[in-house]
Structures are given as structure tokens and as C-alpha cells.
Amino acid sequence: MPKMKTKSSCKKRFKVTAKGKIKAGQAGKRHGMIKRTTKFIRDARGTTVLSEPDTKIIKSMMPYSR
């Protein structure tokens, strides 16, 4: 049986934590920062953990992640 392929877009954008959760960059920070509140910009720093339904979708595209 041949190996399954991982979606290239997923391996570039997501990381799997030790407990099997999916970590991703925060959305909404590419442009238009003037109209965003300071609180939004501050809260959107770094990375975020995806919700359970989103995790299920991403894990289906990354067959060899835990």
C-alpha cells in the first residue's frame, strides 16, 4: 500500500502540539491594522489553538500527525 500524502498547505500553516491539538497563526493581521482596535491587535499576537471541528478537518489532511 503506498503512503498517503499530507496536504502541502496544511504542513506549511499548522503544527501539532504534544497533546494532539492544532496550532495556527492568528487570523486577521495581514492588512487594515488602522481600523482594528488596539485590543484586537494585542490579543491576536502569536498563535492560537484551533477549535475541535477545525482540528478534525485539518487532521484528515495530515494523516501522519498524532
C-alpha atoms as a PDB file:
ATOM      1  CA  MET A   1       0.000   0.000   0.000  1.00  0.00           C
ATOM      2  CA  PRO A   2       1.518   3.407  -0.896  1.00  0.00           C
ATOM      3  CA  LYS A   3       1.929   6.139   1.662  1.00  0.00           C
ATOM      4  CA  MET A   4      -0.795   8.757   1.986  1.00  0.00           C
ATOM      5  CA  LYS A   5       0.177  12.304   1.106  1.00  0.00           C
ATOM      6  CA  THR A   6      -0.002  15.225   3.506  1.00  0.00           C
ATOM      7  CA  LYS A   7      -1.622  18.375   2.126  1.00  0.00           C
ATOM      8  CA  SER A   8       1.216  20.829   1.453  1.00  0.00           C
ATOM      9  CA  SER A   9      -0.915  23.789   2.501  1.00  0.00           C
ATOM     10  CA  CYS A  10      -1.515  22.203   5.914  1.00  0.00           C
ATOM     11  CA  LYS A  11       2.085  21.353   6.651  1.00  0.00           C
ATOM     12  CA  LYS A  12       3.026  24.968   5.900  1.00  0.00           C
ATOM     13  CA  ARG A  13       0.335  26.547   8.072  1.00  0.00           C
ATOM     14  CA  PHE A  14      -0.257  24.238  11.047  1.00  0.00           C
ATOM     15  CA  LYS A  15       1.732  22.490  13.778  1.00  0.00           C
ATOM     16  CA  VAL A  16       0.544  19.662  16.030  1.00  0.00           C
ATOM     17  CA  THR A  17       1.141  20.011  19.775  1.00  0.00           C
ATOM     18  CA  ALA A  18       2.258  17.157  22.023  1.00  0.00           C
ATOM     19  CA  LYS A  19      -1.358  16.578  23.124  1.00  0.00           C
ATOM     20  CA  GLY A  20      -2.559  16.425  19.516  1.00  0.00           C
ATOM     21  CA  LYS A  21      -4.104  19.877  19.258  1.00  0.00           C
ATOM     22  CA  ILE A  22      -3.543  22.004  16.150  1.00  0.00           C
ATOM     23  CA  LYS A  23      -1.672  25.286  16.488  1.00  0.00           C
ATOM     24  CA  ALA A  24      -2.065  28.030  13.854  1.00  0.00           C
ATOM     25  CA  GLY A  25      -1.190  31.648  13.296  1.00  0.00           C
ATOM     26  CA  GLN A  26      -3.785  34.173  14.332  1.00  0.00           C
ATOM     27  CA  ALA A  27      -6.074  35.371  11.528  1.00  0.00           C
ATOM     28  CA  GLY A  28      -6.882  38.946  10.578  1.00  0.00           C
ATOM     29  CA  LYS A  29      -3.463  40.583  10.896  1.00  0.00           C
ATOM     30  CA  ARG A  30      -2.229  40.916   7.299  1.00  0.00           C
ATOM     31  CA  HIS A  31      -3.520  44.386   6.487  1.00  0.00           C
ATOM     32  CA  GLY A  32      -6.012  47.042   7.628  1.00  0.00           C
ATOM     33  CA  MET A  33      -4.499  47.483  11.087  1.00  0.00           C
ATOM     34  CA  ILE A  34      -5.667  51.102  11.287  1.00  0.00           C
ATOM     35  CA  LYS A  35      -9.305  50.059  11.535  1.00  0.00           C
ATOM     36  CA  ARG A  36      -8.584  47.349  14.124  1.00  0.00           C
ATOM     37  CA  THR A  37      -8.733  48.135  17.823  1.00  0.00           C
ATOM     38  CA  THR A  38      -5.588  48.077  19.911  1.00  0.00           C
ATOM     39  CA  LYS A  39      -7.157  45.313  21.990  1.00  0.00           C
ATOM     40  CA  PHE A  40      -7.675  43.136  18.893  1.00  0.00           C
ATOM     41  CA  ILE A  41      -4.078  43.615  17.746  1.00  0.00           C
ATOM     42  CA  ARG A  42      -2.778  42.790  21.223  1.00  0.00           C
ATOM     43  CA  ASP A  43      -4.984  39.695  21.599  1.00  0.00           C
ATOM     44  CA  ALA A  44      -4.072  38.436  18.124  1.00  0.00           C
ATOM     45  CA  ARG A  45      -0.340  38.148  18.808  1.00  0.00           C
ATOM     46  CA  GLY A  46       1.414  34.835  18.348  1.00  0.00           C
ATOM     47  CA  THR A  47      -0.505  31.641  17.679  1.00  0.00           C
ATOM     48  CA  THR A  48      -3.849  30.150  18.623  1.00  0.00           C
ATOM     49  CA  VAL A  49      -5.225  26.632  19.127  1.00  0.00           C
ATOM     50  CA  LEU A  50      -7.944  25.617  16.682  1.00  0.00           C
ATOM     51  CA  SER A  51     -11.410  24.505  17.776  1.00  0.00           C
ATOM     52  CA  GLU A  52     -12.388  20.828  17.782  1.00  0.00           C
ATOM     53  CA  PRO A  53     -14.374  20.898  14.485  1.00  0.00           C
ATOM     54  CA  ASP A  54     -11.497  22.688  12.718  1.00  0.00           C
ATOM     55  CA  THR A  55      -8.974  20.268  14.235  1.00  0.00           C
ATOM     56  CA  LYS A  56     -10.926  17.334  12.814  1.00  0.00           C
ATOM     57  CA  ILE A  57     -10.750  18.798   9.295  1.00  0.00           C
ATOM     58  CA  ILE A  58      -7.035  19.584   9.452  1.00  0.00           C
ATOM     59  CA  LYS A  59      -6.118  16.188  10.906  1.00  0.00           C
ATOM     60  CA  SER A  60      -7.794  14.491   7.968  1.00  0.00           C
ATOM     61  CA  MET A  61      -5.394  16.356   5.688  1.00  0.00           C
ATOM     62  CA  MET A  62      -2.358  15.435   7.813  1.00  0.00           C
ATOM     63  CA  PRO A  63      -2.533  11.636   8.064  1.00  0.00           C
ATOM     64  CA  TYR A  64       0.781  11.144   9.905  1.00  0.00           C
ATOM     65  CA  SER A  65       0.249  13.711  12.649  1.00  0.00           C
ATOM     66  CA  ARG A  66      -0.756  12.290  16.032  1.00  0.00           C
END
